[in-house]
Amino acid sequence: MKKIVVVLLLVFCSYAALAATPSKSAPKKAKIETLMYLVNRADSIQSFREHAKQVSIIAPQCFSMDAEGFVGGEVPPEVLEIARTNGVALMPLVTNKGFNQPLMHTMLDNADSRARAIKYLIYLSLRDGYIGIQFDYENILYTYRDKFTVFVREAAKEFHKHGLKLSLAVVGKYSDDRNSESPGGYDNWSGVYDYTDLGKVADFLSIMAYPQHAGFSDPGPLAGVPWVKQVAEFSLSKVPARKLSLGVPTYGIRWTAVSADQNVKPADFVQDNAGAQKKKWTVKSMWFTGLKDVVAQSTPIWDETEQANRYELTTADGANSVIWYEDARSLQPKLTLAVESGMPGISAWVIGMEDPDFWTMLDREFRVTHPKSPAVKGTQEERAKRAARLLEGK
């Protein structure tokens, strides 16, 4: 009888030990910070509404600055409501209006104009509860490199006094050689950005690793993985990984051949038109939803080297047309590249243009982080008075 009891006890203890042994857990997801750019379009705002929980920072392109440093624009009320309801950090963009080059040069040449722009942006941030502002100043002559750095240094100093973050969207490049290639060219687009010095004073840089090909080139991927790796490696050699965000495109571009007597239409986004236009193509930015009609006519071709899809088709009037576009499959290796390089995450242009499967891939592969946002209390008038007092140091 004792032997039976002992055997039963051993069996019970063995079972209990097995039950207490932890099972193999699923692989831990990599953390990622998703900064999503937004434009004031219904489909862009709707996508934000549907996927707010997967957005770390929403960055509406809504403010513009004139030559004297006056800032105009507003965050769409719907976007404010969605962000506040879901605890999404707000970091609006400010641009030199229309990416106007003379306007930007005039502002950089004038200390009062620079100070005015900085003060306006701090006031808006304090009033409406932004975590900060992203400078999206583009189309600046490379000879203004030092003056641009001075402006950013001045801004960062004042922003940080008020607990605000300052980030910059900068054109991607893989060299600082004036003869090197970069989207839109060195002289007017990428040369003005001193990655090293900007990285020292700004909270982070969103490196626009796109468009590799656009209105300034023949058809090709917007962000082929080999090219993106070059841009990322150069950026990492100049700026600590923790202060970088890898800019990725969510859209596509369609190139359509034109005859010599046809006018070439510009692309929808200014940055896709930078540099000398290729006169034999007209280009159009494609939202993913716009591919539905194309799918019925053609089969996508996956480029294993570039890690991207394209369509090749003929238009109704017989012209050749090529579409390169980004989807969940092409974006996944770029997101992985960012986090494996030590960057906090990505900056994606633009929410609303993306493949719906992007969100599924994001949820499956990554864990989205969420920076803390300032609490927004009181009416706009009350908040405006408080922001004005803080600006005056009261």
Protein backbone atom coordinates (compact mmCIF):
# COMPACT_ATOMS: atom_id res chain seq x y z
CA MET A 1 0.00 0.00 0.00
CA LYS A 2 2.83 2.36 0.90
CA LYS A 3 4.45 1.67 -2.45
CA ILE A 4 1.22 2.61 -4.26
CA VAL A 5 0.98 5.87 -2.29
CA VAL A 6 4.59 6.74 -3.05
CA VAL A 7 4.10 6.06 -6.76
CA LEU A 8 0.96 8.20 -6.82
CA LEU A 9 2.78 11.02 -5.05
CA LEU A 10 5.64 10.86 -7.54
CA VAL A 11 3.20 10.93 -10.45
CA PHE A 12 1.34 13.88 -8.92
CA CYS A 13 4.55 15.82 -8.25
CA SER A 14 5.80 15.19 -11.78
CA TYR A 15 2.49 16.42 -13.22
CA ALA A 16 2.56 19.50 -10.99
CA ALA A 17 6.13 20.27 -12.05
CA LEU A 18 5.19 20.00 -15.71
CA ALA A 19 2.17 22.20 -15.19
CA ALA A 20 4.34 24.83 -13.47
CA THR A 21 6.89 24.85 -16.29
CA PRO A 22 6.27 27.95 -18.42
CA SER A 23 5.38 27.25 -22.04
CA LYS A 24 7.37 28.76 -24.83
CA SER A 25 6.02 32.27 -25.34
CA ALA A 26 5.58 33.96 -28.68
CA PRO A 27 8.57 35.96 -29.91
CA LYS A 28 8.69 39.42 -28.39
CA LYS A 29 7.65 42.11 -30.86
CA ALA A 30 10.09 44.91 -31.63
CA LYS A 31 9.05 48.34 -30.37
CA ILE A 32 8.46 50.99 -33.03
CA GLU A 33 7.44 54.66 -33.04
CA THR A 34 5.15 55.52 -35.94
CA LEU A 35 5.06 59.14 -36.99
CA MET A 36 2.36 59.43 -39.64
CA TYR A 37 2.10 62.51 -41.83
CA LEU A 38 -1.40 63.75 -42.59
CA VAL A 39 -2.87 66.06 -45.23
CA ASN A 40 -6.25 67.78 -45.00
CA ARG A 41 -8.16 65.27 -47.11
CA ALA A 42 -11.15 63.18 -46.08
CA ASP A 43 -9.40 59.86 -46.80
CA SER A 44 -6.30 60.89 -44.83
CA ILE A 45 -8.36 61.94 -41.80
CA GLN A 46 -10.55 58.82 -42.03
CA SER A 47 -7.54 56.51 -42.02
CA PHE A 48 -6.25 58.30 -38.92
CA ARG A 49 -9.62 57.81 -37.24
CA GLU A 50 -9.60 54.08 -38.03
CA HIS A 51 -5.99 53.42 -37.02
CA ALA A 52 -5.27 55.99 -34.29
CA LYS A 53 -4.25 53.29 -31.81
CA GLN A 54 -1.36 52.34 -34.12
CA VAL A 55 -0.12 55.92 -34.52
CA SER A 56 2.52 57.23 -32.10
CA ILE A 57 2.69 60.78 -33.46
CA ILE A 58 0.34 62.40 -35.97
CA ALA A 59 2.04 65.12 -38.01
CA PRO A 60 -0.43 67.21 -40.03
CA GLN A 61 1.16 69.31 -42.77
CA CYS A 62 -0.89 72.38 -41.90
CA PHE A 63 1.26 75.41 -41.00
CA SER A 64 3.17 77.59 -43.42
CA MET A 65 5.50 80.53 -42.84
CA ASP A 66 6.01 83.66 -44.90
CA ALA A 67 9.22 85.62 -45.51
CA GLU A 68 8.77 87.73 -42.36
CA GLY A 69 8.28 84.73 -40.10
CA PHE A 70 4.51 85.02 -39.72
CA VAL A 71 2.87 81.58 -39.43
CA GLY A 72 -0.58 80.72 -40.75
CA GLY A 73 -2.78 77.65 -40.83
CA GLU A 74 -4.47 75.33 -38.33
CA VAL A 75 -4.72 71.68 -37.41
CA PRO A 76 -8.10 70.44 -38.73
CA PRO A 77 -10.54 70.25 -35.78
CA GLU A 78 -11.32 66.60 -36.58
CA VAL A 79 -7.65 65.71 -36.29
CA LEU A 80 -7.40 67.45 -32.90
CA GLU A 81 -10.45 65.53 -31.69
CA ILE A 82 -9.16 62.14 -32.87
CA ALA A 83 -5.71 62.73 -31.40
CA ARG A 84 -7.00 63.85 -27.99
CA THR A 85 -9.58 61.07 -27.75
CA ASN A 86 -7.00 58.39 -28.50
CA GLY A 87 -3.99 59.88 -26.72
CA VAL A 88 -1.99 60.39 -29.91
CA ALA A 89 0.84 62.92 -29.72
CA LEU A 90 0.54 65.90 -32.09
CA MET A 91 3.57 67.30 -33.91
CA PRO A 92 2.37 69.52 -36.78
CA LEU A 93 4.59 70.48 -39.72
CA VAL A 94 5.54 73.98 -40.74
CA THR A 95 6.77 74.67 -44.27
CA ASN A 96 8.12 77.60 -46.23
CA LYS A 97 4.90 78.33 -48.08
CA GLY A 98 4.84 76.37 -51.34
CA PHE A 99 8.47 75.38 -50.65
CA ASN A 100 9.28 78.84 -51.97
CA GLN A 101 13.05 79.30 -52.11
CA PRO A 102 13.39 83.14 -52.12
CA LEU A 103 10.91 83.32 -49.22
CA MET A 104 13.05 80.96 -47.15
CA HIS A 105 16.27 82.81 -47.95
CA THR A 106 14.71 86.14 -46.95
CA MET A 107 13.61 84.71 -43.61
CA LEU A 108 16.98 83.10 -42.88
CA ASP A 109 18.77 86.38 -43.61
CA ASN A 110 16.73 88.26 -41.00
CA ALA A 111 17.12 87.63 -37.26
CA ASP A 112 13.77 89.28 -36.43
CA SER A 113 11.94 87.05 -38.91
CA ARG A 114 13.55 83.93 -37.47
CA ALA A 115 12.65 84.95 -33.92
CA ARG A 116 9.08 85.74 -34.95
CA ALA A 117 8.57 82.31 -36.55
CA ILE A 118 9.96 80.58 -33.47
CA LYS A 119 7.71 82.55 -31.14
CA TYR A 120 4.58 81.84 -33.22
CA LEU A 121 5.28 78.11 -33.27
CA ILE A 122 5.95 77.90 -29.54
CA TYR A 123 2.74 79.82 -28.82
CA LEU A 124 0.65 77.46 -30.97
CA SER A 125 2.25 74.41 -29.36
CA LEU A 126 1.60 75.65 -25.82
CA ARG A 127 -1.94 76.70 -26.64
CA ASP A 128 -3.07 73.48 -28.30
CA GLY A 129 -1.02 70.83 -26.53
CA TYR A 130 1.44 69.76 -29.20
CA ILE A 131 4.53 67.84 -28.11
CA GLY A 132 6.37 70.10 -30.52
CA ILE A 133 6.77 71.05 -34.17
CA GLN A 134 8.52 69.49 -37.15
CA PHE A 135 10.32 71.85 -39.53
CA ASP A 136 9.58 70.74 -43.10
CA TYR A 137 11.54 73.49 -44.83
CA GLU A 138 12.58 72.40 -48.33
CA ASN A 139 13.99 73.79 -51.57
CA ILE A 140 16.76 75.84 -49.92
CA LEU A 141 20.01 76.66 -51.70
CA TYR A 142 22.99 74.73 -50.31
CA THR A 143 24.88 78.00 -49.70
CA TYR A 144 22.40 78.68 -46.85
CA ARG A 145 23.56 75.58 -44.99
CA ASP A 146 25.16 77.47 -42.07
CA LYS A 147 22.31 79.98 -41.79
CA PHE A 148 19.76 77.17 -41.72
CA THR A 149 21.69 75.44 -38.93
CA VAL A 150 21.76 78.70 -36.95
CA PHE A 151 17.97 79.01 -37.29
CA VAL A 152 17.43 75.44 -36.06
CA ARG A 153 19.82 75.98 -33.16
CA GLU A 154 17.96 79.16 -32.14
CA ALA A 155 14.62 77.37 -32.38
CA ALA A 156 15.73 74.29 -30.43
CA LYS A 157 17.01 76.45 -27.57
CA GLU A 158 13.68 78.24 -27.22
CA PHE A 159 11.55 75.13 -27.74
CA HIS A 160 13.43 73.24 -25.06
CA LYS A 161 12.96 76.08 -22.56
CA HIS A 162 9.24 75.32 -22.77
CA GLY A 163 9.55 71.53 -22.69
CA LEU A 164 8.74 71.20 -26.40
CA LYS A 165 10.37 68.98 -28.99
CA LEU A 166 11.78 70.17 -32.30
CA SER A 167 12.24 67.75 -35.17
CA LEU A 168 13.14 68.19 -38.82
CA ALA A 169 12.12 66.49 -42.05
CA VAL A 170 15.29 66.39 -44.17
CA VAL A 171 15.92 65.17 -47.70
CA GLY A 172 17.61 61.77 -47.77
CA LYS A 173 21.12 61.43 -49.17
CA TYR A 174 24.04 59.03 -49.01
CA SER A 175 26.85 61.54 -49.39
CA ASP A 176 27.61 65.20 -48.74
CA ASP A 177 29.55 65.43 -51.98
CA ARG A 178 28.01 68.12 -54.18
CA ASN A 179 28.31 65.80 -57.19
CA SER A 180 26.46 62.94 -55.49
CA GLU A 181 22.90 62.06 -56.36
CA SER A 182 19.97 62.72 -54.04
CA PRO A 183 16.24 63.30 -54.61
CA GLY A 184 15.94 66.60 -56.44
CA GLY A 185 19.68 67.19 -56.50
CA TYR A 186 22.21 68.55 -54.03
CA ASP A 187 22.20 72.30 -54.72
CA ASN A 188 18.54 73.06 -54.07
CA TRP A 189 17.37 70.16 -51.94
CA SER A 190 19.75 68.00 -49.92
CA GLY A 191 22.87 70.18 -49.60
CA VAL A 192 21.43 72.60 -47.03
CA TYR A 193 21.07 69.93 -44.35
CA ASP A 194 24.11 69.46 -42.13
CA TYR A 195 23.04 66.18 -40.57
CA THR A 196 25.71 66.24 -37.87
CA ASP A 197 25.05 69.74 -36.54
CA LEU A 198 21.27 69.47 -36.90
CA GLY A 199 21.33 66.15 -35.07
CA LYS A 200 23.11 67.78 -32.13
CA VAL A 201 20.38 70.35 -31.46
CA ALA A 202 17.11 68.83 -32.78
CA ASP A 203 15.29 66.09 -30.89
CA PHE A 204 15.23 63.94 -34.00
CA LEU A 205 15.52 64.03 -37.78
CA SER A 206 13.01 62.35 -40.08
CA ILE A 207 15.23 61.23 -42.97
CA MET A 208 13.10 61.21 -46.12
CA ALA A 209 14.42 58.03 -47.77
CA TYR A 210 12.16 58.70 -50.75
CA PRO A 211 11.50 59.36 -53.56
CA GLN A 212 14.41 57.53 -55.15
CA HIS A 213 12.61 57.94 -58.47
CA ALA A 214 9.88 60.46 -59.30
CA GLY A 215 9.18 63.35 -61.68
CA PHE A 216 12.92 64.02 -61.95
CA SER A 217 13.75 60.52 -63.24
CA ASP A 218 12.73 57.60 -65.40
CA PRO A 219 10.45 55.00 -63.75
CA GLY A 220 11.86 53.16 -60.75
CA PRO A 221 11.08 52.29 -57.13
CA LEU A 222 10.20 55.08 -54.74
CA ALA A 223 12.38 53.54 -52.07
CA GLY A 224 14.24 50.45 -53.19
CA VAL A 225 15.71 48.64 -50.19
CA PRO A 226 19.37 48.77 -51.38
CA TRP A 227 19.11 52.55 -51.85
CA VAL A 228 17.30 53.05 -48.54
CA LYS A 229 20.09 51.12 -46.81
CA GLN A 230 22.65 53.53 -48.30
CA VAL A 231 20.68 56.53 -47.03
CA ALA A 232 20.26 54.93 -43.59
CA GLU A 233 23.96 54.06 -43.30
CA PHE A 234 25.01 57.61 -44.19
CA SER A 235 22.52 59.06 -41.70
CA LEU A 236 23.73 56.71 -38.95
CA SER A 237 27.32 57.79 -39.59
CA LYS A 238 26.35 61.41 -38.83
CA VAL A 239 23.60 61.21 -36.21
CA PRO A 240 23.00 58.84 -33.25
CA ALA A 241 20.41 56.19 -34.13
CA ARG A 242 18.17 57.28 -31.23
CA LYS A 243 17.73 60.69 -32.93
CA LEU A 244 16.72 59.33 -36.33
CA SER A 245 13.38 58.33 -37.81
CA LEU A 246 13.41 56.56 -41.18
CA GLY A 247 11.12 58.32 -43.65
CA VAL A 248 9.14 55.87 -45.80
CA PRO A 249 6.58 56.40 -48.58
CA THR A 250 3.14 54.79 -48.48
CA TYR A 251 2.13 55.81 -51.98
CA GLY A 252 2.96 55.00 -55.59
CA ILE A 253 3.87 56.92 -58.73
CA ARG A 254 2.64 56.35 -62.25
CA TRP A 255 4.84 57.30 -65.19
CA THR A 256 3.08 57.63 -68.56
CA ALA A 257 5.03 58.14 -71.77
CA VAL A 258 4.27 61.35 -73.64
CA SER A 259 4.96 62.37 -77.20
CA ALA A 260 7.19 65.31 -78.07
CA ASP A 261 4.23 67.65 -78.66
CA GLN A 262 2.53 66.94 -75.32
CA ASN A 263 2.91 68.98 -72.16
CA VAL A 264 4.33 67.17 -69.14
CA LYS A 265 2.12 67.56 -66.09
CA PRO A 266 3.80 67.99 -62.68
CA ALA A 267 3.45 65.42 -59.89
CA ASP A 268 1.02 66.06 -57.04
CA PHE A 269 3.73 66.49 -54.40
CA VAL A 270 6.33 69.22 -54.81
CA GLN A 271 9.17 66.97 -53.68
CA ASP A 272 8.35 64.53 -56.49
CA ASN A 273 9.02 67.28 -59.04
CA ALA A 274 12.36 68.47 -57.70
CA GLY A 275 15.27 68.65 -60.13
CA ALA A 276 15.26 68.59 -63.91
CA GLN A 277 12.07 67.06 -65.31
CA LYS A 278 12.32 64.04 -67.60
CA LYS A 279 10.34 65.38 -70.55
CA LYS A 280 9.31 61.99 -71.93
CA TRP A 281 7.16 61.11 -68.91
CA THR A 282 4.23 62.64 -67.10
CA VAL A 283 3.96 61.52 -63.47
CA LYS A 284 1.04 61.13 -61.09
CA SER A 285 1.09 60.17 -57.43
CA MET A 286 -1.08 57.13 -56.73
CA TRP A 287 -3.11 56.43 -53.59
CA PHE A 288 -3.33 52.69 -52.97
CA THR A 289 -7.08 52.76 -53.56
CA GLY A 290 -6.35 54.08 -57.07
CA LEU A 291 -4.72 50.79 -58.00
CA LYS A 292 -8.08 48.99 -58.11
CA ASP A 293 -8.64 49.87 -61.77
CA VAL A 294 -5.07 48.89 -62.63
CA VAL A 295 -5.36 45.46 -61.02
CA ALA A 296 -8.04 44.50 -63.53
CA GLN A 297 -5.70 45.30 -66.43
CA SER A 298 -2.36 43.96 -65.31
CA THR A 299 -0.49 41.65 -62.92
CA PRO A 300 2.02 43.15 -60.46
CA ILE A 301 5.70 42.33 -60.96
CA TRP A 302 7.74 41.82 -57.78
CA ASP A 303 11.34 43.02 -57.98
CA GLU A 304 13.32 40.84 -55.57
CA THR A 305 16.37 43.15 -55.57
CA GLU A 306 14.45 46.36 -54.92
CA GLN A 307 11.84 44.65 -52.71
CA ALA A 308 9.06 46.52 -54.46
CA ASN A 309 6.13 46.02 -56.85
CA ARG A 310 5.45 47.54 -60.23
CA TYR A 311 2.83 47.39 -62.94
CA GLU A 312 3.54 47.73 -66.66
CA LEU A 313 0.56 48.49 -68.85
CA THR A 314 -0.69 50.36 -71.89
CA THR A 315 -3.17 53.23 -71.69
CA ALA A 316 -6.33 53.44 -73.81
CA ASP A 317 -4.54 55.66 -76.34
CA GLY A 318 -1.62 53.24 -76.66
CA ALA A 319 0.94 54.97 -74.41
CA ASN A 320 3.27 52.95 -72.20
CA SER A 321 2.70 53.35 -68.48
CA VAL A 322 4.66 52.11 -65.44
CA ILE A 323 3.56 52.18 -61.80
CA TRP A 324 5.87 51.59 -58.87
CA TYR A 325 4.11 51.47 -55.52
CA GLU A 326 4.55 50.64 -51.85
CA ASP A 327 2.51 48.04 -50.02
CA ALA A 328 2.75 46.01 -46.81
CA ARG A 329 5.24 43.60 -48.39
CA SER A 330 7.63 46.35 -49.56
CA LEU A 331 7.35 48.41 -46.37
CA GLN A 332 8.04 45.57 -43.94
CA PRO A 333 11.80 45.31 -44.69
CA LYS A 334 12.18 49.07 -44.34
CA LEU A 335 10.49 49.08 -40.93
CA THR A 336 12.70 46.18 -39.88
CA LEU A 337 15.78 48.06 -41.13
CA ALA A 338 14.84 51.06 -38.98
CA VAL A 339 14.39 49.17 -35.71
CA GLU A 340 17.34 46.84 -36.25
CA SER A 341 19.53 49.92 -36.85
CA GLY A 342 18.54 51.28 -33.44
CA MET A 343 16.19 53.99 -34.72
CA PRO A 344 13.01 54.47 -32.66
CA GLY A 345 10.88 54.10 -35.78
CA ILE A 346 9.56 55.59 -38.99
CA SER A 347 8.02 58.74 -40.45
CA ALA A 348 5.49 57.72 -43.14
CA TRP A 349 4.19 59.96 -45.93
CA VAL A 350 1.20 59.92 -45.90
CA ILE A 351 -1.64 58.35 -43.89
CA GLY A 352 -4.61 57.56 -46.12
CA MET A 353 -2.50 56.52 -49.12
CA GLU A 354 -1.37 53.23 -47.58
CA ASP A 355 -2.12 49.61 -48.38
CA PRO A 356 -4.73 48.54 -45.77
CA ASP A 357 -2.58 45.46 -45.08
CA PHE A 358 0.12 47.79 -43.76
CA TRP A 359 -1.76 48.02 -40.46
CA THR A 360 -2.10 44.24 -40.25
CA MET A 361 1.64 43.83 -40.85
CA LEU A 362 2.41 46.54 -38.28
CA ASP A 363 0.28 44.82 -35.65
CA ARG A 364 1.75 41.39 -36.42
CA GLU A 365 5.43 42.38 -36.45
CA PHE A 366 5.78 45.36 -34.08
CA ARG A 367 4.60 46.95 -30.86
CA VAL A 368 3.76 50.63 -31.33
CA THR A 369 4.99 52.98 -28.61
CA HIS A 370 3.18 56.13 -27.52
CA PRO A 371 4.94 59.27 -26.21
CA LYS A 372 3.17 61.19 -23.50
CA SER A 373 1.17 64.23 -24.61
CA PRO A 374 0.53 67.43 -22.65
CA ALA A 375 -2.93 67.69 -21.09
CA VAL A 376 -5.22 70.20 -22.84
CA LYS A 377 -7.52 72.02 -20.45
CA GLY A 378 -9.83 74.99 -20.74
CA THR A 379 -11.38 76.89 -23.61
CA GLN A 380 -9.26 78.10 -26.49
CA GLU A 381 -9.37 81.63 -25.03
CA GLU A 382 -8.14 80.37 -21.66
CA ARG A 383 -5.41 78.32 -23.29
CA ALA A 384 -4.39 81.26 -25.47
CA LYS A 385 -3.95 83.51 -22.41
CA ARG A 386 -1.94 80.85 -20.60
CA ALA A 387 0.31 80.30 -23.65
CA ALA A 388 0.91 84.05 -23.93
CA ARG A 389 1.88 84.23 -20.23
CA LEU A 390 4.29 81.33 -20.60
CA LEU A 391 5.87 82.95 -23.63
CA GLU A 392 6.50 86.06 -21.58
CA GLY A 393 7.97 83.97 -18.78
CA LYS A 394 5.14 84.72 -16.34
